[in-house]
Amino acid sequence: MAVPEFYKFFRPLLEVLSDGNVAKGSGLFDIIADHMKLSDADREELLPSGNRTRVADRTLWAITYLSQAKLLDRPQRGSYQISAKGKEYLSTAPKVITPSDLLVFPEFVDFQNRTRTTRTTNFSTPPTTLSGIHESPPEETIEIAHREINAKLADELLDRIKAMPPVFFEQLIVKLMLKLGYGGSHDDAGKTIGKSGDGGVDGVIKQDKLGLDNIYLQAKRWSEGTVGRKEIQAFVGALAGRAATKGVFITTSTFTKEAQAYAISISSAKVSLIDGYELACLMIENDLGVSLVSRYDVKRIDSDFFEGE
């Protein structure tokens, strides 16, 4: 028997975690395989890349989907536990849970929407991850899968960032600004200045190689809650105190509509807001905190090669 499609791991995963205990990722693969009564050959089957068993890969994709629907919690890195919502859902869930079934959860809908708008990782492309993927032309299918992989990677990046100390996040945003081309090549092009009495500013970076202007940075590494207008007003006040006219406010969370509207309305300074998901996408685009695992080139016939001179 072949290893089942990744979504067929959804219910078994919820079932083996239904006791509420925390399970580690590596041990969970064997538990799932036992629960699904997979053969030794199935357990040993590798992905085409050879870097992971298909069972482990399917389990990890199932974890991602169930976590996005908030049916699973991640108490710590590499550990998983069924949530209260997951226990409740399991009592009424269909025998085979599909990605479409998870669309009843707003958090999962948000995840699916992100895969369509995301700006690579050691994971294979999940089969039949989006509705209608089999009806799409091959190149379009690859593009859809690529977006979904990046959306998943963005969520993983945010989890890692939130687990790091505040000083790491402050250094991260300076590194990101340098990657985006600000500051040029000067050794002192960007630096963190977040400390007691920092005046509401966590970092500063030169706008260009000549250092004609500075951009001030504010970092909010929040796991819960949203950044509101009050925080943006405080940042604008900090900019005014430095006679600065440019600022970037970056958070691992999100901004309220009031905060976004206020940032647009400011006339004394230009303030850009970057939320957690956009931060992660920018990191992926600029190879910050991620590394290339595999690459697939799509080629076409070179018509000029076959034309006569």
Protein backbone atom coordinates (compact mmCIF):
# COMPACT_ATOMS: atom_id res chain seq x y z
CA MET A 1 0.00 0.00 0.00
CA ALA A 2 1.21 3.52 -0.76
CA VAL A 3 1.61 6.19 1.90
CA PRO A 4 -1.77 8.00 2.07
CA GLU A 5 -2.25 11.60 0.95
CA PHE A 6 -1.19 14.16 3.53
CA TYR A 7 -4.74 15.18 4.46
CA LYS A 8 -5.50 11.58 5.44
CA PHE A 9 -3.08 12.16 8.33
CA PHE A 10 -5.35 14.91 9.77
CA ARG A 11 -7.72 12.74 11.77
CA PRO A 12 -5.13 10.16 12.89
CA LEU A 13 -2.96 13.00 14.15
CA LEU A 14 -5.82 14.44 16.21
CA GLU A 15 -6.66 10.97 17.49
CA VAL A 16 -3.17 10.12 18.73
CA LEU A 17 -2.96 13.50 20.46
CA SER A 18 -6.47 13.34 21.89
CA ASP A 19 -5.13 12.38 25.35
CA GLY A 20 -3.82 15.94 25.69
CA ASN A 21 -0.20 14.92 26.15
CA VAL A 22 2.64 16.78 24.44
CA ALA A 23 4.34 14.82 21.66
CA LYS A 24 7.73 15.46 20.08
CA GLY A 25 7.95 15.64 16.30
CA SER A 26 10.46 12.81 15.72
CA GLY A 27 8.65 10.33 17.98
CA LEU A 28 5.29 11.37 16.56
CA PHE A 29 6.16 9.95 13.14
CA ASP A 30 6.36 6.40 14.53
CA ILE A 31 3.22 6.86 16.61
CA ILE A 32 1.28 7.99 13.53
CA ALA A 33 2.66 5.13 11.43
CA ASP A 34 1.60 2.62 14.11
CA HIS A 35 -1.85 4.20 14.42
CA MET A 36 -2.38 4.08 10.65
CA LYS A 37 -0.97 0.53 10.47
CA LEU A 38 1.56 1.42 7.79
CA SER A 39 3.91 -1.27 6.53
CA ASP A 40 7.67 -1.21 7.01
CA ALA A 41 8.05 -0.40 3.31
CA ASP A 42 5.73 2.59 3.68
CA ARG A 43 7.65 3.83 6.71
CA GLU A 44 10.95 3.64 4.88
CA GLU A 45 9.79 5.28 1.64
CA LEU A 46 11.75 8.47 0.98
CA LEU A 47 10.83 11.63 -0.88
CA PRO A 48 12.45 12.05 -4.31
CA SER A 49 14.96 14.41 -2.68
CA GLY A 50 15.96 11.64 -0.29
CA ASN A 51 16.13 13.99 2.69
CA ARG A 52 13.04 12.77 4.57
CA THR A 53 10.66 9.83 4.74
CA ARG A 54 7.29 10.35 3.12
CA VAL A 55 5.55 9.54 6.42
CA ALA A 56 7.49 12.27 8.23
CA ASP A 57 6.76 14.73 5.43
CA ARG A 58 3.03 13.96 5.37
CA THR A 59 2.87 14.25 9.17
CA LEU A 60 4.60 17.63 9.16
CA TRP A 61 2.24 19.00 6.51
CA ALA A 62 -0.73 17.71 8.52
CA ILE A 63 0.67 19.45 11.61
CA THR A 64 0.94 22.70 9.64
CA TYR A 65 -2.67 22.59 8.47
CA LEU A 66 -4.12 21.61 11.83
CA SER A 67 -2.01 24.25 13.58
CA GLN A 68 -3.23 26.92 11.17
CA ALA A 69 -6.81 25.91 12.02
CA LYS A 70 -5.83 26.20 15.72
CA LEU A 71 -6.67 22.55 16.29
CA LEU A 72 -3.10 21.93 17.48
CA ASP A 73 -0.89 23.97 19.80
CA ARG A 74 2.89 24.18 19.84
CA PRO A 75 3.92 24.50 23.50
CA GLN A 76 7.55 24.67 22.45
CA ARG A 77 9.66 24.14 19.37
CA GLY A 78 9.18 20.68 17.88
CA SER A 79 6.39 19.79 20.31
CA TYR A 80 2.68 19.43 19.58
CA GLN A 81 -0.50 19.15 21.63
CA ILE A 82 -4.17 19.04 20.73
CA SER A 83 -6.00 22.26 21.58
CA ALA A 84 -9.37 22.59 23.28
CA LYS A 85 -10.80 23.48 19.86
CA GLY A 86 -9.15 20.37 18.41
CA LYS A 87 -10.74 18.09 21.02
CA GLU A 88 -14.14 19.60 20.37
CA TYR A 89 -13.77 19.28 16.59
CA LEU A 90 -12.59 15.67 16.78
CA SER A 91 -15.88 14.63 18.39
CA THR A 92 -17.83 15.68 15.28
CA ALA A 93 -15.17 15.56 12.54
CA PRO A 94 -15.70 13.40 9.43
CA LYS A 95 -13.90 10.08 9.12
CA VAL A 96 -11.56 11.62 6.55
CA ILE A 97 -10.85 15.31 7.17
CA THR A 98 -9.94 17.30 4.06
CA PRO A 99 -8.46 20.81 3.69
CA SER A 100 -11.92 21.98 2.58
CA ASP A 101 -13.37 20.81 5.91
CA LEU A 102 -10.97 23.15 7.73
CA LEU A 103 -12.43 26.19 5.96
CA VAL A 104 -14.99 26.45 8.77
CA PHE A 105 -12.17 27.92 10.89
CA PRO A 106 -11.45 31.63 10.18
CA GLU A 107 -7.78 31.18 11.08
CA PHE A 108 -7.38 28.53 8.40
CA VAL A 109 -9.15 30.72 5.84
CA ASP A 110 -6.62 33.47 6.65
CA PHE A 111 -3.80 30.99 6.06
CA GLN A 112 -5.22 29.95 2.69
CA ASN A 113 -5.62 33.59 1.69
CA ARG A 114 -1.99 34.25 2.57
CA THR A 115 -0.88 31.48 0.22
CA ARG A 116 -2.49 33.40 -2.62
CA THR A 117 -0.77 36.70 -1.80
CA THR A 118 2.61 35.72 -0.27
CA ARG A 119 5.37 37.80 -1.62
CA THR A 120 12.13 27.73 0.74
CA THR A 121 12.10 25.18 3.05
CA ASN A 122 12.96 21.54 3.69
CA PHE A 123 9.44 20.38 2.86
CA SER A 124 8.03 18.74 -0.20
CA THR A 125 5.12 20.20 -2.10
CA PRO A 126 1.93 18.89 -0.48
CA PRO A 127 -0.30 17.09 -2.99
CA THR A 128 -3.76 18.57 -3.55
CA THR A 129 -3.19 21.36 -1.05
CA LEU A 130 -5.43 23.95 -2.66
CA SER A 131 -8.84 23.48 -4.18
CA GLY A 132 -8.68 23.02 -7.92
CA ILE A 133 -4.92 22.42 -8.04
CA HIS A 134 -5.34 19.40 -10.32
CA GLU A 135 -7.33 21.50 -12.78
CA SER A 136 -4.54 24.06 -13.11
CA PRO A 137 -1.88 23.96 -15.86
CA PRO A 138 1.45 22.48 -14.63
CA GLU A 139 3.26 25.81 -14.36
CA GLU A 140 0.35 27.35 -12.46
CA THR A 141 0.29 24.32 -10.14
CA ILE A 142 3.97 24.87 -9.36
CA GLU A 143 3.32 28.54 -8.63
CA ILE A 144 0.41 27.74 -6.29
CA ALA A 145 2.49 25.15 -4.44
CA HIS A 146 5.42 27.55 -4.17
CA ARG A 147 3.20 30.20 -2.59
CA GLU A 148 1.87 27.71 -0.10
CA ILE A 149 5.35 26.55 0.87
CA ASN A 150 6.40 30.16 1.43
CA ALA A 151 3.29 30.88 3.48
CA LYS A 152 4.13 27.91 5.69
CA LEU A 153 7.74 29.02 5.96
CA ALA A 154 6.65 32.53 6.93
CA ASP A 155 4.63 31.13 9.81
CA GLU A 156 7.59 29.05 10.95
CA LEU A 157 9.86 32.08 10.81
CA LEU A 158 7.48 34.06 13.00
CA ASP A 159 7.36 31.24 15.54
CA ARG A 160 11.17 31.24 15.72
CA ILE A 161 11.40 35.03 16.00
CA LYS A 162 8.84 35.19 18.80
CA ALA A 163 10.84 32.62 20.76
CA MET A 164 14.03 34.70 20.59
CA PRO A 165 15.01 37.41 23.13
CA PRO A 166 14.03 41.04 22.39
CA VAL A 167 17.60 42.06 21.54
CA PHE A 168 17.63 39.46 18.73
CA PHE A 169 14.56 41.05 17.17
CA GLU A 170 16.07 44.53 17.36
CA GLN A 171 19.23 43.27 15.61
CA LEU A 172 17.10 41.41 13.08
CA ILE A 173 15.28 44.50 11.83
CA VAL A 174 18.58 46.33 11.31
CA LYS A 175 19.92 43.36 9.31
CA LEU A 176 16.72 43.30 7.27
CA MET A 177 16.99 46.99 6.43
CA LEU A 178 20.58 46.43 5.28
CA LYS A 179 19.40 43.52 3.12
CA LEU A 180 16.78 45.83 1.60
CA GLY A 181 19.56 48.13 0.43
CA TYR A 182 19.48 50.83 3.07
CA GLY A 183 22.72 52.01 4.62
CA GLY A 184 24.96 51.06 1.73
CA SER A 185 28.23 49.36 2.63
CA HIS A 186 29.28 51.45 5.63
CA ASP A 187 30.32 49.46 8.71
CA ASP A 188 28.21 51.79 10.81
CA ALA A 189 25.32 51.87 8.32
CA GLY A 190 22.89 50.43 10.86
CA LYS A 191 22.84 49.80 14.59
CA THR A 192 20.52 48.98 17.44
CA ILE A 193 20.05 51.56 20.14
CA GLY A 194 17.25 49.98 22.14
CA LYS A 195 17.92 50.29 25.85
CA SER A 196 16.57 52.03 28.91
CA GLY A 197 15.95 55.66 28.00
CA ASP A 198 16.14 55.02 24.27
CA GLY A 199 13.32 57.46 23.71
CA GLY A 200 11.06 54.95 22.00
CA VAL A 201 13.53 54.05 19.22
CA ASP A 202 15.19 50.63 18.86
CA GLY A 203 17.47 51.17 15.88
CA VAL A 204 18.72 53.57 13.27
CA ILE A 205 19.99 53.05 9.75
CA LYS A 206 21.42 55.36 7.12
CA GLN A 207 19.06 55.87 4.18
CA ASP A 208 21.86 55.73 1.61
CA LYS A 209 25.59 55.24 1.21
CA LEU A 210 26.30 58.91 1.80
CA GLY A 211 24.40 58.90 5.06
CA LEU A 212 22.49 62.05 4.16
CA ASP A 213 19.48 60.98 6.22
CA ASN A 214 18.61 58.47 8.92
CA ILE A 215 15.67 56.11 9.23
CA TYR A 216 14.68 55.26 12.80
CA LEU A 217 13.31 51.86 13.69
CA GLN A 218 10.90 50.58 16.32
CA ALA A 219 10.56 46.87 17.09
CA LYS A 220 7.67 45.22 18.90
CA ARG A 221 8.13 41.48 19.37
CA TRP A 222 4.62 40.64 20.48
CA SER A 223 3.14 37.14 20.64
CA GLU A 224 -0.34 38.36 21.51
CA GLY A 225 -2.39 41.48 20.84
CA THR A 226 -2.23 44.05 18.08
CA VAL A 227 -0.30 47.29 17.79
CA GLY A 228 -2.70 50.19 18.12
CA ARG A 229 -2.74 53.88 17.39
CA LYS A 230 -1.27 54.69 20.81
CA GLU A 231 1.99 52.86 20.05
CA ILE A 232 2.32 54.57 16.66
CA GLN A 233 1.70 57.97 18.23
CA ALA A 234 4.44 57.28 20.80
CA PHE A 235 6.83 56.36 17.98
CA VAL A 236 5.97 59.53 16.06
CA GLY A 237 6.67 61.50 19.23
CA ALA A 238 10.05 59.79 19.54
CA LEU A 239 10.83 60.76 15.94
CA ALA A 240 9.90 64.38 16.66
CA GLY A 241 12.23 64.36 19.65
CA ARG A 242 15.10 63.48 17.31
CA ALA A 243 13.99 65.89 14.59
CA ALA A 244 13.57 62.83 12.38
CA THR A 245 11.16 62.57 9.45
CA LYS A 246 11.39 58.87 8.55
CA GLY A 247 10.57 55.82 10.62
CA VAL A 248 9.75 52.13 10.25
CA PHE A 249 7.65 50.33 12.85
CA ILE A 250 8.03 46.54 12.69
CA THR A 251 6.10 44.02 14.76
CA THR A 252 5.67 40.25 14.89
CA SER A 253 1.98 40.95 15.51
CA THR A 254 -0.48 43.01 13.43
CA PHE A 255 -1.69 46.61 13.35
CA THR A 256 -5.20 47.81 14.08
CA LYS A 257 -7.04 49.70 11.35
CA GLU A 258 -6.81 52.83 13.50
CA ALA A 259 -3.02 52.48 13.69
CA GLN A 260 -2.77 52.05 9.93
CA ALA A 261 -5.02 55.04 9.24
CA TYR A 262 -3.04 57.21 11.66
CA ALA A 263 0.29 56.27 10.04
CA ILE A 264 -1.07 57.35 6.66
CA SER A 265 -2.39 60.65 8.02
CA ILE A 266 0.86 61.84 9.62
CA SER A 267 2.19 64.98 7.95
CA SER A 268 5.26 65.62 10.11
CA ALA A 269 6.97 62.32 9.28
CA LYS A 270 6.70 59.35 6.95
CA VAL A 271 6.13 56.14 8.92
CA SER A 272 6.01 52.69 7.34
CA LEU A 273 4.32 49.80 9.15
CA ILE A 274 5.49 46.20 8.69
CA ASP A 275 3.48 43.47 10.39
CA GLY A 276 4.68 39.99 11.26
CA TYR A 277 3.67 38.26 8.08
CA GLU A 278 5.16 40.95 5.84
CA LEU A 279 8.34 40.81 7.92
CA ALA A 280 8.62 37.06 7.34
CA CYS A 281 7.95 37.47 3.60
CA LEU A 282 10.66 40.11 3.33
CA MET A 283 13.08 37.78 5.11
CA ILE A 284 12.29 34.99 2.64
CA GLU A 285 12.66 37.32 -0.36
CA ASN A 286 16.03 38.54 0.88
CA ASP A 287 17.44 35.21 2.15
CA LEU A 288 17.60 36.32 5.77
CA GLY A 289 17.24 33.49 8.25
CA VAL A 290 16.45 30.99 5.49
CA SER A 291 18.52 28.86 3.12
CA LEU A 292 17.90 27.29 -0.26
CA VAL A 293 17.07 23.58 -0.05
CA SER A 294 16.07 22.69 -3.59
CA ARG A 295 15.40 24.35 -6.91
CA TYR A 296 13.28 23.40 -9.90
CA ASP A 297 13.93 25.12 -13.22
CA VAL A 298 11.08 25.32 -15.72
CA LYS A 299 12.36 25.37 -19.30
CA ARG A 300 10.82 25.96 -22.71
CA ILE A 301 11.91 25.34 -26.28
CA ASP A 302 14.32 27.98 -27.58
CA SER A 303 12.69 28.75 -30.94
CA ASP A 304 15.68 30.78 -32.14
CA PHE A 305 17.87 27.68 -31.84
CA PHE A 306 15.79 25.87 -34.45
CA GLU A 307 15.36 28.75 -36.87
CA GLY A 308 17.64 29.04 -39.85
CA GLU A 309 20.07 31.93 -40.05
